[in-house]
Protein backbone atom coordinates (compact mmCIF):
# COMPACT_ATOMS: atom_id res chain seq x y z
CA MET A 1 -66.91 91.43 -96.35
CA ASN A 2 -65.69 87.87 -96.90
CA GLU A 3 -64.68 88.04 -100.57
CA GLU A 4 -63.85 84.33 -100.47
CA MET A 5 -67.47 83.49 -99.69
CA LEU A 6 -68.68 85.45 -102.69
CA ASN A 7 -66.95 82.94 -104.98
CA LEU A 8 -69.15 80.11 -103.71
CA LYS A 9 -72.14 78.71 -105.57
CA PRO A 10 -75.04 79.45 -105.76
CA ALA A 11 -73.57 82.94 -105.98
CA LYS A 12 -76.75 84.81 -105.08
CA VAL A 13 -77.39 82.63 -102.01
CA PHE A 14 -73.92 83.25 -100.65
CA TYR A 15 -74.14 86.94 -101.52
CA TYR A 16 -77.19 87.23 -99.28
CA PHE A 17 -75.68 85.05 -96.56
CA ASN A 18 -72.58 87.25 -96.55
CA GLU A 19 -74.82 90.30 -96.10
CA ILE A 20 -76.69 88.58 -93.29
CA THR A 21 -73.45 87.86 -91.37
CA LYS A 22 -72.91 91.63 -91.06
CA ILE A 23 -76.22 92.24 -89.28
CA PRO A 24 -76.56 91.67 -85.52
CA ARG A 25 -79.53 89.35 -84.89
CA PRO A 26 -79.49 87.75 -81.43
CA SER A 27 -82.79 86.21 -80.43
CA LYS A 28 -85.17 88.88 -79.09
CA ARG A 29 -82.92 91.61 -80.55
CA GLU A 30 -83.59 91.19 -84.28
CA GLU A 31 -84.76 94.75 -85.00
CA LYS A 32 -81.88 95.54 -87.38
CA MET A 33 -82.38 92.29 -89.26
CA SER A 34 -86.13 92.77 -89.48
CA LEU A 35 -85.73 96.27 -90.91
CA TRP A 36 -83.06 95.09 -93.36
CA LEU A 37 -85.36 92.34 -94.64
CA GLU A 38 -88.20 94.82 -95.07
CA GLU A 39 -85.88 97.18 -96.96
CA THR A 40 -84.55 94.32 -99.11
CA GLY A 41 -88.05 93.25 -100.13
CA LYS A 42 -88.91 96.79 -101.17
CA LYS A 43 -85.64 97.15 -103.10
CA LEU A 44 -86.61 94.04 -105.05
CA GLY A 45 -89.86 95.78 -105.95
CA LEU A 46 -91.95 93.19 -104.10
CA ALA A 47 -94.93 93.62 -101.79
CA THR A 48 -93.50 93.60 -98.27
CA LYS A 49 -95.12 93.83 -94.86
CA ARG A 50 -93.89 93.68 -91.29
CA ASP A 51 -96.12 92.70 -88.40
CA LYS A 52 -96.21 94.17 -84.90
CA VAL A 53 -93.51 91.82 -83.52
CA GLY A 54 -91.12 92.17 -86.47
CA ASN A 55 -91.95 89.16 -88.65
CA VAL A 56 -91.51 90.05 -92.33
CA LEU A 57 -93.48 88.69 -95.30
CA ILE A 58 -92.29 89.35 -98.87
CA SER A 59 -94.60 88.33 -101.75
CA LYS A 60 -93.59 87.62 -105.32
CA PRO A 61 -96.32 87.19 -107.96
CA ALA A 62 -96.41 84.18 -110.26
CA THR A 63 -94.54 84.25 -113.54
CA PRO A 64 -96.85 84.47 -116.58
CA GLY A 65 -98.83 81.28 -117.13
CA LYS A 66 -98.22 80.06 -113.56
CA GLU A 67 -100.90 82.12 -111.81
CA ASN A 68 -102.99 79.05 -110.91
CA VAL A 69 -100.11 76.99 -109.49
CA THR A 70 -100.38 76.21 -105.76
CA PRO A 71 -99.02 79.23 -103.83
CA VAL A 72 -95.95 78.41 -101.72
CA VAL A 73 -94.47 79.98 -98.58
CA LEU A 74 -90.69 79.78 -98.11
CA GLN A 75 -90.05 80.16 -94.39
CA ALA A 76 -86.95 80.71 -92.24
CA HIS A 77 -86.18 82.42 -88.94
CA MET A 78 -84.01 85.52 -88.81
CA ASP A 79 -82.49 85.15 -85.32
CA MET A 80 -79.40 83.16 -84.36
CA VAL A 81 -77.95 81.49 -81.29
CA CYS A 82 -75.09 83.66 -80.00
CA GLU A 83 -72.39 81.44 -78.50
CA LYS A 84 -68.65 82.10 -78.44
CA ASN A 85 -65.53 80.57 -77.02
CA ASN A 86 -64.44 82.03 -73.68
CA ASP A 87 -61.27 83.48 -75.17
CA LYS A 88 -63.07 85.14 -78.10
CA VAL A 89 -63.61 88.91 -77.81
CA PHE A 90 -66.86 89.51 -79.66
CA ASP A 91 -70.03 91.60 -79.28
CA PHE A 92 -73.03 89.92 -80.94
CA ASP A 93 -74.95 93.22 -80.77
CA LYS A 94 -72.36 95.05 -82.87
CA ASP A 95 -69.83 92.81 -84.60
CA ALA A 96 -70.07 91.03 -87.95
CA ILE A 97 -69.60 87.26 -87.92
CA GLU A 98 -66.07 86.43 -89.11
CA THR A 99 -66.46 83.61 -91.63
CA TYR A 100 -63.85 81.46 -93.34
CA ILE A 101 -63.72 78.42 -95.60
CA ASP A 102 -62.17 75.23 -94.25
CA GLY A 103 -62.12 72.67 -97.04
CA GLU A 104 -65.73 71.72 -97.80
CA TRP A 105 -67.14 73.69 -94.88
CA LEU A 106 -67.97 77.31 -94.09
CA LYS A 107 -67.15 78.20 -90.47
CA ALA A 108 -66.89 81.18 -88.12
CA LYS A 109 -63.91 82.29 -86.04
CA GLY A 110 -64.69 81.47 -82.41
CA THR A 111 -68.45 82.05 -82.61
CA THR A 112 -71.59 80.48 -83.92
CA LEU A 113 -71.85 80.89 -87.69
CA GLY A 114 -75.54 81.77 -87.77
CA ALA A 115 -76.28 79.48 -90.70
CA ASP A 116 -79.06 78.27 -88.41
CA ASP A 117 -81.11 79.77 -89.95
CA GLY A 118 -79.32 82.51 -91.87
CA ILE A 119 -78.72 80.16 -94.79
CA GLY A 120 -82.47 79.49 -94.99
CA VAL A 121 -83.09 83.24 -95.10
CA ALA A 122 -80.45 83.61 -97.82
CA ILE A 123 -81.95 80.82 -99.95
CA ALA A 124 -85.43 82.37 -99.73
CA LEU A 125 -84.10 85.83 -100.67
CA ALA A 126 -82.16 84.40 -103.61
CA ILE A 127 -85.36 82.73 -104.88
CA LEU A 128 -87.18 86.06 -104.63
CA ASP A 129 -84.30 87.72 -106.50
CA ASP A 130 -84.14 85.18 -109.35
CA PRO A 131 -85.66 86.66 -112.54
CA GLU A 132 -85.30 83.41 -114.54
CA LEU A 133 -87.09 80.97 -112.23
CA GLU A 134 -90.62 80.06 -113.36
CA HIS A 135 -92.98 79.65 -110.42
CA GLY A 136 -96.44 80.15 -109.02
CA PRO A 137 -97.18 82.72 -106.30
CA ILE A 138 -94.42 82.82 -103.67
CA GLU A 139 -94.34 84.30 -100.19
CA ALA A 140 -91.23 84.38 -98.01
CA LEU A 141 -91.89 84.52 -94.28
CA PHE A 142 -89.04 85.50 -91.97
CA THR A 143 -89.81 85.07 -88.28
CA ILE A 144 -88.18 86.47 -85.15
CA ASP A 145 -87.08 84.69 -81.99
CA GLU A 146 -87.30 81.07 -83.07
CA GLU A 147 -84.41 80.05 -80.86
CA THR A 148 -85.76 81.20 -77.49
CA GLY A 149 -89.40 80.28 -77.61
CA LEU A 150 -90.68 80.48 -81.21
CA THR A 151 -92.46 83.70 -80.27
CA GLY A 152 -92.36 85.04 -83.81
CA ALA A 153 -94.21 82.01 -85.14
CA LYS A 154 -96.65 82.26 -82.23
CA ALA A 155 -97.42 85.85 -83.19
CA VAL A 156 -98.14 85.16 -86.88
CA GLU A 157 -101.82 85.93 -87.25
CA ALA A 158 -104.34 83.98 -89.28
CA GLY A 159 -104.54 85.57 -92.73
CA PHE A 160 -101.01 87.02 -92.65
CA MET A 161 -99.96 84.39 -95.22
CA ASN A 162 -101.95 83.25 -98.26
CA GLY A 163 -99.87 80.23 -99.32
CA LYS A 164 -101.23 76.68 -99.28
CA MET A 165 -97.85 74.93 -98.96
CA LEU A 166 -95.00 75.90 -96.66
CA LEU A 167 -91.36 74.89 -97.10
CA ASN A 168 -89.55 75.39 -93.80
CA LEU A 169 -85.83 75.88 -94.57
CA ASP A 170 -84.58 75.14 -91.06
CA SER A 171 -83.45 71.50 -91.09
CA GLU A 172 -79.83 70.46 -90.99
CA ASP A 173 -79.26 67.30 -93.03
CA GLU A 174 -79.37 67.38 -96.81
CA GLY A 175 -81.47 64.55 -98.18
CA GLN A 176 -83.80 64.45 -95.20
CA PHE A 177 -87.38 65.71 -95.35
CA PHE A 178 -89.13 66.29 -92.04
CA ILE A 179 -92.90 66.05 -91.72
CA GLY A 180 -93.26 66.19 -87.92
CA CYS A 181 -91.49 67.56 -84.84
CA ALA A 182 -91.51 67.54 -81.07
CA GLY A 183 -93.22 70.09 -78.88
CA GLY A 184 -91.27 71.76 -76.10
CA GLN A 185 -91.49 73.56 -72.79
CA ASP A 186 -88.93 75.30 -70.58
CA THR A 187 -88.61 75.09 -66.82
CA VAL A 188 -86.69 77.74 -64.86
CA ALA A 189 -86.15 77.40 -61.11
CA THR A 190 -84.92 80.20 -58.84
CA LEU A 191 -83.58 79.82 -55.32
CA PRO A 192 -82.38 82.81 -53.23
CA CYS A 193 -78.76 82.36 -52.19
CA GLU A 194 -77.88 81.79 -48.56
CA TYR A 195 -74.29 82.44 -47.49
CA GLU A 196 -72.04 82.01 -44.48
CA SER A 197 -68.50 83.10 -43.67
CA VAL A 198 -65.55 81.07 -44.89
CA GLU A 199 -63.76 79.11 -42.18
CA GLU A 200 -60.19 80.08 -41.44
CA GLY A 201 -57.43 78.08 -43.07
CA CYS A 202 -59.16 77.50 -46.37
CA GLU A 203 -57.59 77.64 -49.81
CA PHE A 204 -59.51 78.77 -52.88
CA PHE A 205 -59.78 77.28 -56.35
CA LYS A 206 -61.64 77.45 -59.61
CA ILE A 207 -62.68 74.03 -60.85
CA GLU A 208 -63.72 73.89 -64.49
CA VAL A 209 -65.23 71.28 -66.77
CA LYS A 210 -64.68 72.15 -70.42
CA GLY A 211 -63.74 70.80 -73.84
CA LEU A 212 -67.17 69.31 -74.52
CA GLN A 213 -68.89 69.52 -77.91
CA GLY A 214 -72.24 70.66 -76.58
CA GLY A 215 -74.70 70.98 -79.42
CA HIS A 216 -78.42 71.28 -80.07
CA SER A 217 -80.56 70.09 -77.19
CA GLY A 218 -82.95 68.41 -79.62
CA ASP A 219 -80.92 67.16 -82.58
CA ASP A 220 -77.89 66.11 -80.51
CA ILE A 221 -79.51 64.91 -77.27
CA ASN A 222 -79.24 61.24 -78.30
CA LYS A 223 -75.55 61.38 -79.24
CA GLY A 224 -74.20 60.58 -75.79
CA ARG A 225 -72.37 63.87 -75.32
CA GLY A 226 -71.37 65.11 -71.89
CA ASN A 227 -73.20 67.90 -70.10
CA ALA A 228 -70.89 70.29 -68.25
CA VAL A 229 -73.55 71.06 -65.61
CA LYS A 230 -74.00 67.40 -64.74
CA LEU A 231 -70.28 66.59 -64.81
CA LEU A 232 -69.38 69.58 -62.64
CA ALA A 233 -72.17 68.79 -60.17
CA ARG A 234 -70.96 65.18 -59.91
CA ILE A 235 -67.52 66.34 -58.80
CA LEU A 236 -68.86 68.97 -56.40
CA TRP A 237 -71.36 66.60 -54.79
CA ASN A 238 -68.68 64.02 -53.99
CA SER A 239 -66.15 66.69 -53.01
CA TYR A 240 -68.46 68.09 -50.34
CA SER A 241 -68.92 64.78 -48.59
CA ASP A 242 -65.33 63.57 -48.95
CA TYR A 243 -63.26 66.76 -48.70
CA ASN A 244 -65.58 69.32 -47.08
CA LEU A 245 -65.55 71.44 -50.23
CA ARG A 246 -67.61 74.61 -50.06
CA VAL A 247 -69.03 76.41 -53.10
CA ALA A 248 -68.79 80.20 -53.38
CA ASP A 249 -69.97 80.60 -56.99
CA ILE A 250 -71.18 78.41 -59.84
CA ASN A 251 -71.66 79.16 -63.53
CA ALA A 252 -72.17 76.32 -65.98
CA GLY A 253 -73.94 76.15 -69.33
CA ASN A 254 -75.61 79.00 -71.13
CA LEU A 255 -78.59 78.76 -73.50
CA ARG A 256 -81.71 76.71 -72.81
CA ASN A 257 -81.56 74.99 -76.20
CA ALA A 258 -77.87 74.10 -76.09
CA ILE A 259 -76.19 71.21 -74.29
CA ALA A 260 -73.80 72.73 -71.73
CA ARG A 261 -70.24 72.79 -73.11
CA GLU A 262 -68.37 74.25 -70.16
CA GLY A 263 -68.80 75.43 -66.60
CA TYR A 264 -66.95 76.35 -63.44
CA ALA A 265 -67.31 76.77 -59.72
CA VAL A 266 -65.27 78.83 -57.26
CA VAL A 267 -64.68 76.72 -54.16
CA ALA A 268 -62.98 76.74 -50.76
CA LEU A 269 -61.31 73.73 -49.12
CA PRO A 270 -59.58 73.13 -45.80
CA LYS A 271 -55.83 73.22 -46.36
CA GLU A 272 -55.40 69.61 -45.22
CA SER A 273 -57.83 68.39 -47.91
CA VAL A 274 -56.33 70.21 -50.88
CA ASN A 275 -53.82 67.63 -52.12
CA ASP A 276 -56.24 64.72 -51.85
CA TRP A 277 -58.96 66.74 -53.56
CA LYS A 278 -56.70 67.71 -56.46
CA ALA A 279 -55.84 64.04 -56.88
CA TYR A 280 -59.56 63.22 -56.90
CA VAL A 281 -60.26 65.80 -59.62
CA ALA A 282 -57.36 64.40 -61.66
CA GLN A 283 -58.93 60.97 -61.28
CA MET A 284 -62.32 62.28 -62.42
CA ASP A 285 -60.63 63.91 -65.40
CA LYS A 286 -59.39 60.47 -66.45
CA ILE A 287 -62.79 58.90 -65.77
CA TYR A 288 -64.59 61.49 -67.90
CA LYS A 289 -62.11 60.95 -70.73
CA GLU A 290 -62.85 57.22 -70.55
CA GLU A 291 -66.62 57.66 -70.29
CA PHE A 292 -66.74 60.05 -73.26
CA HIS A 293 -63.78 58.78 -75.28
CA THR A 294 -65.89 58.63 -78.45
CA THR A 295 -68.50 61.34 -78.08
CA ASP A 296 -66.44 63.98 -76.22
CA PRO A 297 -62.75 63.10 -76.29
CA GLY A 298 -61.75 66.69 -75.51
CA VAL A 299 -63.45 66.77 -72.09
CA MET A 300 -61.32 68.13 -69.23
CA ALA A 301 -61.74 68.68 -65.52
CA VAL A 302 -59.10 71.16 -64.36
CA VAL A 303 -58.23 73.13 -61.23
CA GLU A 304 -56.51 76.47 -60.87
CA PRO A 305 -55.98 78.83 -57.93
CA ALA A 306 -58.64 81.47 -57.31
CA ALA A 307 -58.77 84.71 -55.36
CA ALA A 308 -59.92 84.42 -51.77
CA VAL A 309 -63.60 84.96 -51.01
CA GLU A 310 -65.26 85.89 -47.75
CA GLN A 311 -68.46 83.90 -48.13
CA VAL A 312 -69.54 80.50 -49.37
CA PHE A 313 -72.97 78.93 -49.70
CA ASP A 314 -74.63 78.08 -46.40
CA GLU A 315 -74.04 74.37 -45.83
CA SER A 316 -77.68 73.26 -46.03
CA PHE A 317 -78.25 75.54 -49.03
CA GLN A 318 -75.24 74.03 -50.81
CA ILE A 319 -76.56 70.54 -50.14
CA ASP A 320 -79.91 71.49 -51.65
CA VAL A 321 -78.33 72.98 -54.79
CA LEU A 322 -76.01 70.05 -55.41
CA ASN A 323 -78.71 67.46 -54.67
CA ALA A 324 -81.02 69.14 -57.18
CA LEU A 325 -78.31 69.19 -59.86
CA VAL A 326 -77.48 65.54 -59.31
CA VAL A 327 -81.09 64.33 -59.29
CA CYS A 328 -82.40 66.52 -62.12
CA PRO A 329 -82.61 64.32 -65.23
CA HIS A 330 -80.80 65.09 -68.45
CA GLY A 331 -80.85 63.36 -71.81
CA VAL A 332 -83.13 60.93 -73.60
CA VAL A 333 -86.13 59.89 -71.50
CA ALA A 334 -87.93 57.69 -74.04
CA MET A 335 -87.59 56.55 -77.65
CA SER A 336 -90.54 56.53 -80.02
CA GLN A 337 -92.70 53.42 -80.09
CA ASP A 338 -93.69 54.15 -83.69
CA ILE A 339 -90.60 55.50 -85.47
CA PRO A 340 -87.40 53.41 -85.10
CA GLY A 341 -84.46 55.44 -83.81
CA PHE A 342 -86.54 58.56 -83.15
CA VAL A 343 -86.29 60.26 -79.75
CA GLU A 344 -89.77 60.71 -78.31
CA THR A 345 -89.02 62.54 -75.04
CA SER A 346 -85.95 64.27 -73.62
CA THR A 347 -84.81 66.92 -71.19
CA ASN A 348 -81.82 69.27 -71.19
CA LEU A 349 -80.33 70.61 -67.95
CA ALA A 350 -79.08 73.68 -69.77
CA SER A 351 -77.48 75.87 -67.11
CA VAL A 352 -76.99 76.79 -63.47
CA LYS A 353 -75.82 80.29 -62.57
CA VAL A 354 -75.70 82.74 -59.68
CA VAL A 355 -77.67 85.76 -60.90
CA ASP A 356 -78.58 88.78 -58.74
CA GLY A 357 -78.35 86.85 -55.49
CA ASN A 358 -80.18 83.76 -56.75
CA VAL A 359 -79.14 80.39 -58.08
CA VAL A 360 -81.02 80.01 -61.37
CA PHE A 361 -81.50 76.58 -62.96
CA THR A 362 -82.61 76.48 -66.61
CA THR A 363 -83.95 73.37 -68.33
CA SER A 364 -85.76 72.53 -71.55
CA GLN A 365 -88.09 69.58 -72.17
CA ARG A 366 -89.21 68.10 -75.51
CA SER A 367 -91.61 65.38 -76.62
CA SER A 368 -93.65 64.42 -79.65
CA VAL A 369 -96.33 63.12 -77.25
CA GLU A 370 -98.03 65.95 -75.36
CA SER A 371 -98.79 63.87 -72.25
CA LYS A 372 -95.18 62.68 -72.08
CA LYS A 373 -93.97 66.26 -72.40
CA GLN A 374 -96.09 67.22 -69.41
CA ALA A 375 -94.80 64.23 -67.45
CA ILE A 376 -91.13 65.17 -67.90
CA VAL A 377 -91.91 68.84 -67.12
CA ASP A 378 -93.48 67.67 -63.85
CA LYS A 379 -90.50 65.45 -63.04
CA VAL A 380 -87.98 68.24 -63.62
CA SER A 381 -90.11 70.73 -61.68
CA THR A 382 -90.30 68.34 -58.73
CA ALA A 383 -86.49 68.16 -58.51
CA PHE A 384 -86.51 71.90 -57.74
CA TRP A 385 -89.74 72.09 -55.75
CA MET A 386 -88.18 69.64 -53.31
CA ILE A 387 -85.50 72.19 -52.39
CA GLY A 388 -87.99 75.04 -52.05
CA ALA A 389 -87.17 76.78 -55.34
CA ASP A 390 -89.62 78.97 -57.19
CA VAL A 391 -90.41 77.08 -60.41
CA GLU A 392 -91.82 78.66 -63.57
CA ASN A 393 -92.84 76.72 -66.66
CA SER A 394 -93.14 78.46 -70.02
CA ASP A 395 -96.24 78.19 -72.16
CA GLY A 396 -94.32 75.90 -74.47
CA TYR A 397 -95.10 75.13 -78.08
CA PRO A 398 -96.96 72.29 -79.77
CA GLY A 399 -95.61 69.41 -81.78
CA TRP A 400 -96.33 68.98 -85.48
CA ASN A 401 -98.22 65.84 -86.40
CA PRO A 402 -96.79 64.05 -89.45
CA ASN A 403 -98.84 63.90 -92.67
CA PRO A 404 -97.39 61.08 -94.79
CA ASN A 405 -99.91 61.92 -97.57
CA SER A 406 -98.58 65.47 -97.98
CA GLU A 407 -98.69 66.72 -101.58
CA ALA A 408 -95.73 69.03 -100.86
CA LEU A 409 -93.78 65.98 -99.71
CA ARG A 410 -94.74 64.01 -102.83
CA VAL A 411 -93.55 66.79 -105.14
CA LEU A 412 -90.32 67.24 -103.18
CA VAL A 413 -89.59 63.51 -103.32
CA ASP A 414 -90.21 63.48 -107.09
CA ALA A 415 -87.95 66.51 -107.47
CA TYR A 416 -85.24 64.81 -105.42
CA HIS A 417 -85.45 61.71 -107.64
CA ASN A 418 -85.18 63.84 -110.77
CA VAL A 419 -82.16 65.84 -109.60
CA PHE A 420 -80.16 63.34 -107.54
CA HIS A 421 -81.44 59.92 -108.73
CA LYS A 422 -81.74 58.54 -105.21
CA GLU A 423 -84.20 58.30 -102.35
CA PRO A 424 -84.44 61.00 -99.67
CA GLN A 425 -85.29 60.10 -96.09
CA VAL A 426 -88.70 61.08 -94.74
CA LEU A 427 -88.53 61.63 -90.98
CA ALA A 428 -89.79 63.41 -87.92
CA ILE A 429 -87.36 65.53 -85.87
CA HIS A 430 -86.92 65.83 -82.12
CA ALA A 431 -86.10 69.52 -82.35
CA GLY A 432 -88.87 72.11 -82.25
CA LEU A 433 -89.91 73.60 -85.58
CA GLU A 434 -92.17 76.54 -86.21
CA CYS A 435 -94.44 74.31 -88.32
CA GLY A 436 -96.26 73.13 -85.20
CA LEU A 437 -97.31 76.69 -84.41
CA PHE A 438 -98.29 77.46 -88.01
CA SER A 439 -100.51 74.37 -88.04
CA GLU A 440 -102.62 75.83 -85.21
CA LYS A 441 -103.64 78.94 -87.20
CA TYR A 442 -103.34 77.41 -90.67
CA PRO A 443 -104.68 73.88 -90.10
CA ASP A 444 -104.87 73.12 -93.84
CA MET A 445 -101.31 74.27 -94.57
CA ASP A 446 -99.25 71.49 -96.19
CA MET A 447 -95.71 71.68 -94.74
CA VAL A 448 -92.30 70.04 -95.14
CA SER A 449 -88.98 71.03 -93.56
CA PHE A 450 -85.55 70.54 -95.15
CA GLY A 451 -82.25 72.34 -95.70
CA PRO A 452 -78.52 72.01 -96.35
CA THR A 453 -76.20 70.16 -93.99
CA LEU A 454 -75.11 71.89 -90.79
CA ARG A 455 -73.04 70.52 -87.94
CA GLY A 456 -72.30 71.85 -84.45
CA VAL A 457 -75.26 74.23 -84.41
CA HIS A 458 -75.76 76.33 -81.28
CA SER A 459 -72.01 76.16 -80.60
CA PRO A 460 -68.87 77.87 -81.93
CA ASP A 461 -68.21 74.63 -83.83
CA GLU A 462 -71.17 75.36 -86.14
CA LYS A 463 -70.31 74.75 -89.79
CA LEU A 464 -72.15 74.62 -93.12
CA GLU A 465 -71.36 72.04 -95.80
CA ILE A 466 -70.95 74.25 -98.85
CA ALA A 467 -71.88 71.72 -101.56
CA THR A 468 -75.23 70.97 -99.94
CA VAL A 469 -76.37 74.57 -100.41
CA GLN A 470 -76.21 74.08 -104.18
CA MET A 471 -78.08 70.79 -103.75
CA CYS A 472 -80.80 72.51 -101.75
CA TRP A 473 -81.07 75.23 -104.39
CA ASP A 474 -81.34 72.72 -107.25
CA LEU A 475 -84.03 70.83 -105.36
CA ILE A 476 -86.17 73.95 -104.83
CA VAL A 477 -85.82 74.95 -108.49
CA GLU A 478 -86.98 71.49 -109.58
CA PHE A 479 -89.81 71.59 -107.02
CA PHE A 480 -91.19 74.75 -108.63
CA LYS A 481 -90.91 73.17 -112.07
CA LEU A 482 -92.99 70.16 -110.99
CA LEU A 483 -95.56 71.94 -108.82
CA LYS A 484 -99.02 72.23 -110.36
């Protein structure tokens, strides 16, 4: 238990968040968290139900005199992105997150913090556990597997919830209210490996690109950060043609919804090319530091000796793999024509790995315009079809169309004025939110997304700005006071 965290305010929110950090909850493996939430709801003496996939709904009746107030759903997802630094020994299926306070921020030691969206879960539980708050009917919906496909939200059946307004507690900038989001779709390409024997006289190395910030493939895609897959591929592509480099293994990036922070390849080179190639990599290291001097000043391209291997990729196969990595787009594709500064369409080349005798390429596409989403999915797919890969596209998830006349938004804005005496921002977000899926089965549901400030989500740099949790709490309390 992090006793230090228990001294933070609001005390009950951080009590619940501290409890949540002890419970393993990787995406698609949230069973322990789902059962704990069900047990917690019952301990609070509240009506609690759990659906067939593990989503949990806890209902709290209105306080006396508030029975006719608009019923509200507080919603957050229970899973977390499980990323760690390479040198961190940690098992996300067993170990508790190790939290610590660094000035104004709450952080984790070498792993993701899980405040995305554990802090949303904690806020909702603290509201349910507050005997003094006056409110209308409240439901708290906790969904599974938001991070790897929003499958929990997809599985929520019509009639599972009764609320008329939904407050999604999964946004990451205090003072910003989101009323729309992008839809998304994943593309995974698989190509069976083809190998040949290593030529005599070769030396072997591990080349690594690391030190990048990475980040969320939606929220951070427009920040100009480097992608380890693209930067590694750039070096390998040139090294093949100029130094006869041959690839034996490649592993770069990790999760589909995270910008690749690091990656490596095991390579073989003719002995006579080694010194010139090392000089070339050193030159690229300097170039990358110049290109990303503001957005990723820690970027490094480094070489170290590797154990000898007997096989490398067949030459034509290697050419196909590297060509696909170079040509596959990554980053912002188009900005919105309607909302200044808002990313409309993007794509994330998330990872490339050798898995069970195949090279597997993983990408994720997003757009707030459905036709543009399909267009970038087709473009990415074509990059891999051209090399003969087997390409699979996920079902994807829909965007959430903004409703500027939202009553929930109006009340939240009034509450924000009352508490903080300033204007919030009303925006759409390029990340995927579960609201788009809820709107399909609950077309009349009035929804807004907001939350405390998080930075570095989906990476071990994730951190939560402590003071903004109290601000979020005060806003919700005032919201319930104003709601009719």
